[in-house]
Amino acid sequence: MPRSTLPPPPPPSHLRSWPDRSALLADRWRALEELRRRSLGVHRVLLLWLLAVTAIIGWALLVLPLQQIEQEDPTSLVLGPLFAILGLAALTPSLVTVSLAVRRDGRIHQLLDDWLRLDSHPPTDARLRAPGLSLFWLLSSLGVCAIGLWSSFAATADAKPGGGTYGDVALGMGIGLILWLTGLIGVGKAVRHYRWAVRALRPRPEVRSGAEPTPGSGAAPGPRAAPGPGAAPGTGPASGEASNGRCP
């Protein structure tokens, strides 16, 4: 999958310069929404399927020399190595890109947790659950898994001893394995997002953004401390209040 710059993590507490909480929440929501799109966007599942198709083409090119040898095709000595190179050129980048994308998903979830810990805003955080997208990933990936299983079993069921079908079996088993792994990646992503949403987006007390209360903000005063045993008369809070009244 093509690499693109992820949103940066929130700055440390001593470098935060948001003028107010509204500005903080606006930046926080933009970062969270972009991270959610990078993780569960429909374009991600389409790219995953495209990489799976590329890997299938590469595997088919790799198996083609074996099929030519079984068919005693004289051109296999010339075209066989060429097909093998083309197959590796299509299969290897697809596998490497998918493995890097899986590792990148871990980084995305770490950034999501960092921005969520910055503050809390339940009305907007609830949209991060994305139940529709998560269900789409799950159902479509289960369908890909089913196709992969069917391809693998069909390839072995049609094989007959002595029929010269080793290439066909290898082709069907490889396609089934690629589809099965592709579906497992999608199912794992959907399940991981569901578990993350249950853990990170559960109801919690309101988190302050770290701003100090300003004078006159209406904060309730704390309990007053009683004067100690050795305190001089008139130094406690009650004496200060009495001094404002009239003496008898």
Protein backbone atom coordinates (compact mmCIF):
# COMPACT_ATOMS: atom_id res chain seq x y z
CA MET A 1 0.00 0.00 0.00
CA PRO A 2 1.36 3.44 -0.81
CA ARG A 3 3.06 5.15 2.11
CA SER A 4 1.75 8.49 3.28
CA THR A 5 2.52 10.67 6.25
CA LEU A 6 0.49 9.91 9.34
CA PRO A 7 -0.72 12.68 11.66
CA PRO A 8 1.93 13.46 14.29
CA PRO A 9 1.40 12.52 17.93
CA PRO A 10 0.13 15.20 20.31
CA PRO A 11 2.87 17.50 21.64
CA PRO A 12 4.20 17.02 25.17
CA SER A 13 2.38 18.84 27.95
CA HIS A 14 5.07 21.53 28.30
CA LEU A 15 4.87 22.38 24.57
CA ARG A 16 1.10 22.60 24.18
CA SER A 17 -0.04 26.04 23.08
CA TRP A 18 -3.75 25.70 22.28
CA PRO A 19 -5.53 28.97 23.12
CA ASP A 20 -8.57 27.18 24.56
CA ARG A 21 -10.20 23.77 24.81
CA SER A 22 -12.23 24.27 21.63
CA ALA A 23 -9.05 24.60 19.57
CA LEU A 24 -7.60 21.51 21.27
CA LEU A 25 -10.71 19.46 20.53
CA ALA A 26 -10.75 20.62 16.90
CA ASP A 27 -7.15 19.49 16.30
CA ARG A 28 -7.78 16.30 18.22
CA TRP A 29 -10.82 15.42 16.12
CA ARG A 30 -9.00 16.10 12.82
CA ALA A 31 -6.16 13.80 13.85
CA LEU A 32 -8.50 11.04 15.06
CA GLU A 33 -10.67 11.19 11.94
CA GLU A 34 -7.64 10.99 9.65
CA LEU A 35 -6.25 8.04 11.60
CA ARG A 36 -9.60 6.27 11.44
CA ARG A 37 -9.75 6.80 7.67
CA ARG A 38 -6.22 5.44 7.26
CA SER A 39 -7.12 2.38 9.30
CA LEU A 40 -10.66 1.43 8.20
CA GLY A 41 -11.26 3.37 4.99
CA VAL A 42 -12.87 1.51 2.09
CA HIS A 43 -9.80 2.32 -0.02
CA ARG A 44 -7.72 0.21 2.38
CA VAL A 45 -9.71 -2.96 1.77
CA LEU A 46 -9.69 -2.31 -2.00
CA LEU A 47 -5.90 -1.92 -1.93
CA LEU A 48 -5.61 -5.13 0.07
CA TRP A 49 -7.61 -6.99 -2.55
CA LEU A 50 -5.54 -5.43 -5.33
CA LEU A 51 -2.37 -6.67 -3.66
CA ALA A 52 -3.94 -10.12 -3.35
CA VAL A 53 -4.73 -10.16 -7.09
CA THR A 54 -1.15 -9.11 -7.85
CA ALA A 55 0.16 -11.92 -5.65
CA ILE A 56 -2.12 -14.42 -7.43
CA ILE A 57 -0.79 -13.30 -10.81
CA GLY A 58 2.76 -13.68 -9.52
CA TRP A 59 2.04 -17.17 -8.21
CA ALA A 60 0.43 -18.19 -11.51
CA LEU A 61 3.55 -17.05 -13.38
CA LEU A 62 5.73 -19.03 -10.99
CA VAL A 63 3.70 -22.22 -11.53
CA LEU A 64 3.54 -21.80 -15.31
CA PRO A 65 7.02 -23.32 -15.95
CA LEU A 66 5.97 -26.43 -13.99
CA GLN A 67 2.86 -26.77 -16.12
CA GLN A 68 4.95 -26.40 -19.28
CA ILE A 69 7.31 -29.13 -18.13
CA GLU A 70 4.37 -31.47 -17.43
CA GLN A 71 3.01 -30.77 -20.91
CA GLU A 72 6.49 -31.33 -22.41
CA ASP A 73 6.42 -27.92 -24.02
CA PRO A 74 9.79 -27.29 -25.75
CA THR A 75 9.58 -23.56 -25.08
CA SER A 76 9.78 -24.15 -21.31
CA LEU A 77 13.59 -24.00 -21.42
CA VAL A 78 13.44 -20.44 -22.76
CA LEU A 79 10.21 -19.06 -21.33
CA GLY A 80 10.32 -20.88 -17.98
CA PRO A 81 13.03 -18.71 -16.37
CA LEU A 82 11.40 -15.57 -17.75
CA PHE A 83 8.02 -16.49 -16.23
CA ALA A 84 9.70 -17.33 -12.92
CA ILE A 85 11.39 -13.91 -12.76
CA LEU A 86 8.16 -12.13 -13.63
CA GLY A 87 6.31 -14.15 -11.00
CA LEU A 88 8.80 -13.24 -8.29
CA ALA A 89 8.66 -9.59 -9.39
CA ALA A 90 4.89 -9.58 -8.86
CA LEU A 91 4.66 -11.78 -5.76
CA THR A 92 7.50 -10.47 -3.58
CA PRO A 93 6.54 -6.74 -3.51
CA SER A 94 2.94 -7.64 -2.71
CA LEU A 95 3.92 -9.74 0.30
CA VAL A 96 6.38 -7.12 1.56
CA THR A 97 3.82 -4.31 1.19
CA VAL A 98 1.15 -6.23 3.08
CA SER A 99 3.54 -7.02 5.93
CA LEU A 100 4.54 -3.35 6.18
CA ALA A 101 0.87 -2.30 6.18
CA VAL A 102 0.14 -4.68 9.07
CA ARG A 103 2.98 -3.12 11.07
CA ARG A 104 1.72 0.35 10.17
CA ASP A 105 -1.69 -0.47 11.62
CA GLY A 106 -0.01 -0.93 14.98
CA ARG A 107 1.45 2.57 14.73
CA ILE A 108 -1.99 3.97 13.81
CA HIS A 109 -3.59 2.44 16.89
CA GLN A 110 -0.83 3.84 19.08
CA LEU A 111 -1.48 7.33 17.70
CA LEU A 112 -5.22 6.89 18.25
CA ASP A 113 -4.60 6.06 21.90
CA ASP A 114 -2.26 9.05 22.31
CA TRP A 115 -4.81 11.52 20.92
CA LEU A 116 -7.66 9.99 22.89
CA ARG A 117 -5.76 10.39 26.16
CA LEU A 118 -5.28 14.09 25.43
CA ASP A 119 -8.92 14.91 26.26
CA SER A 120 -12.43 13.48 26.07
CA HIS A 121 -15.42 14.51 23.99
CA PRO A 122 -18.01 11.69 23.88
CA PRO A 123 -20.29 13.14 21.14
CA THR A 124 -17.47 13.09 18.59
CA ASP A 125 -15.52 10.12 19.97
CA ALA A 126 -18.56 7.89 19.41
CA ARG A 127 -18.11 8.31 15.64
CA LEU A 128 -14.74 6.58 15.87
CA ARG A 129 -16.49 3.28 16.51
CA ALA A 130 -17.43 3.10 12.78
CA PRO A 131 -19.63 -0.01 13.16
CA GLY A 132 -20.60 0.01 9.49
CA LEU A 133 -17.04 0.00 8.19
CA SER A 134 -15.98 -2.59 10.73
CA LEU A 135 -18.85 -4.87 9.71
CA PHE A 136 -17.98 -4.37 6.02
CA TRP A 137 -14.39 -5.43 6.69
CA LEU A 138 -15.57 -8.48 8.63
CA LEU A 139 -18.18 -9.76 6.16
CA SER A 140 -16.14 -9.11 3.02
CA SER A 141 -13.07 -10.75 4.54
CA LEU A 142 -15.08 -13.80 5.57
CA GLY A 143 -16.26 -14.05 1.96
CA VAL A 144 -12.65 -13.94 0.72
CA CYS A 145 -11.73 -16.66 3.23
CA ALA A 146 -14.57 -18.84 1.95
CA ILE A 147 -13.43 -18.41 -1.67
CA GLY A 148 -9.89 -19.32 -0.67
CA LEU A 149 -11.02 -22.50 1.08
CA TRP A 150 -13.18 -23.48 -1.88
CA SER A 151 -10.28 -22.95 -4.28
CA SER A 152 -7.93 -25.09 -2.20
CA PHE A 153 -10.37 -27.99 -1.77
CA ALA A 154 -11.45 -27.87 -5.41
CA ALA A 155 -7.84 -28.08 -6.59
CA THR A 156 -7.13 -31.17 -4.48
CA ALA A 157 -10.48 -32.84 -5.24
CA ASP A 158 -9.91 -32.70 -9.01
CA ALA A 159 -6.40 -34.16 -8.78
CA LYS A 160 -5.95 -37.74 -9.97
CA PRO A 161 -2.86 -39.93 -9.54
CA GLY A 162 -0.81 -40.11 -12.71
CA GLY A 163 -2.84 -37.42 -14.41
CA GLY A 164 0.02 -34.94 -14.64
CA THR A 165 -1.84 -32.31 -12.61
CA TYR A 166 0.88 -31.26 -10.17
CA GLY A 167 1.00 -27.79 -11.68
CA ASP A 168 -2.76 -27.39 -11.50
CA VAL A 169 -2.84 -28.50 -7.86
CA ALA A 170 0.00 -26.14 -6.95
CA LEU A 171 -1.80 -23.30 -8.75
CA GLY A 172 -5.12 -23.92 -6.99
CA MET A 173 -3.56 -24.43 -3.57
CA GLY A 174 -1.46 -21.26 -3.90
CA ILE A 175 -4.42 -19.14 -4.98
CA GLY A 176 -6.49 -20.54 -2.11
CA LEU A 177 -3.73 -19.83 0.41
CA ILE A 178 -3.31 -16.24 -0.80
CA LEU A 179 -7.06 -15.60 -0.59
CA TRP A 180 -7.26 -17.28 2.83
CA LEU A 181 -4.46 -15.12 4.23
CA THR A 182 -6.01 -11.99 2.71
CA GLY A 183 -9.32 -12.76 4.37
CA LEU A 184 -7.63 -13.46 7.70
CA ILE A 185 -5.89 -10.07 7.58
CA GLY A 186 -9.25 -8.35 7.04
CA VAL A 187 -10.99 -10.34 9.78
CA GLY A 188 -8.14 -9.58 12.17
CA LYS A 189 -8.39 -5.87 11.40
CA ALA A 190 -12.15 -5.83 12.04
CA VAL A 191 -11.82 -7.75 15.32
CA ARG A 192 -8.93 -5.58 16.47
CA HIS A 193 -10.89 -2.40 15.78
CA TYR A 194 -13.88 -3.74 17.71
CA ARG A 195 -11.74 -4.65 20.72
CA TRP A 196 -10.01 -1.27 20.57
CA ALA A 197 -13.34 0.57 20.43
CA VAL A 198 -14.67 -1.35 23.43
CA ARG A 199 -11.52 -0.64 25.42
CA ALA A 200 -10.67 2.92 24.43
CA LEU A 201 -14.12 4.41 23.78
CA ARG A 202 -15.93 3.16 26.85
CA PRO A 203 -17.65 5.84 28.96
CA ARG A 204 -15.23 7.55 31.31
CA PRO A 205 -15.12 10.69 33.46
CA GLU A 206 -14.48 13.98 31.72
CA VAL A 207 -10.77 14.62 31.21
CA ARG A 208 -9.50 18.15 31.62
CA SER A 209 -7.19 19.60 29.02
CA GLY A 210 -4.69 20.86 31.61
CA ALA A 211 -5.76 24.53 31.61
CA GLU A 212 -5.52 26.33 34.93
CA PRO A 213 -8.75 27.89 36.25
CA THR A 214 -8.88 31.64 35.91
CA PRO A 215 -9.85 33.97 38.74
CA GLY A 216 -13.58 34.51 39.02
CA SER A 217 -14.39 31.33 37.08
CA GLY A 218 -16.95 30.29 39.67
CA ALA A 219 -14.96 27.41 41.20
CA ALA A 220 -16.27 26.36 44.57
CA PRO A 221 -13.89 27.07 47.46
CA GLY A 222 -12.41 24.17 49.30
CA PRO A 223 -13.06 23.38 52.98
CA ARG A 224 -11.56 25.79 55.46
CA ALA A 225 -8.92 24.58 57.83
CA ALA A 226 -9.52 24.98 61.54
CA PRO A 227 -6.89 26.94 63.50
CA GLY A 228 -4.35 24.90 65.38
CA PRO A 229 -4.20 24.63 69.16
CA GLY A 230 -1.44 27.20 69.42
CA ALA A 231 -2.91 29.75 67.03
CA ALA A 232 -3.38 33.26 68.25
CA PRO A 233 -6.92 34.49 68.68
CA GLY A 234 -8.31 36.29 65.74
CA THR A 235 -6.17 34.45 63.18
CA GLY A 236 -8.78 31.89 62.14
CA PRO A 237 -11.33 32.29 59.40
CA ALA A 238 -14.14 32.97 61.84
CA SER A 239 -12.32 35.91 63.37
CA GLY A 240 -11.89 37.49 59.97
CA GLU A 241 -15.58 37.31 59.36
CA ALA A 242 -16.38 38.69 62.78
CA SER A 243 -14.05 41.63 62.31
CA ASN A 244 -16.28 42.91 59.56
CA GLY A 245 -19.24 43.16 61.92
CA ARG A 246 -19.92 45.75 64.62
CA CYS A 247 -18.60 45.32 68.11
CA PRO A 248 -21.27 45.11 70.84
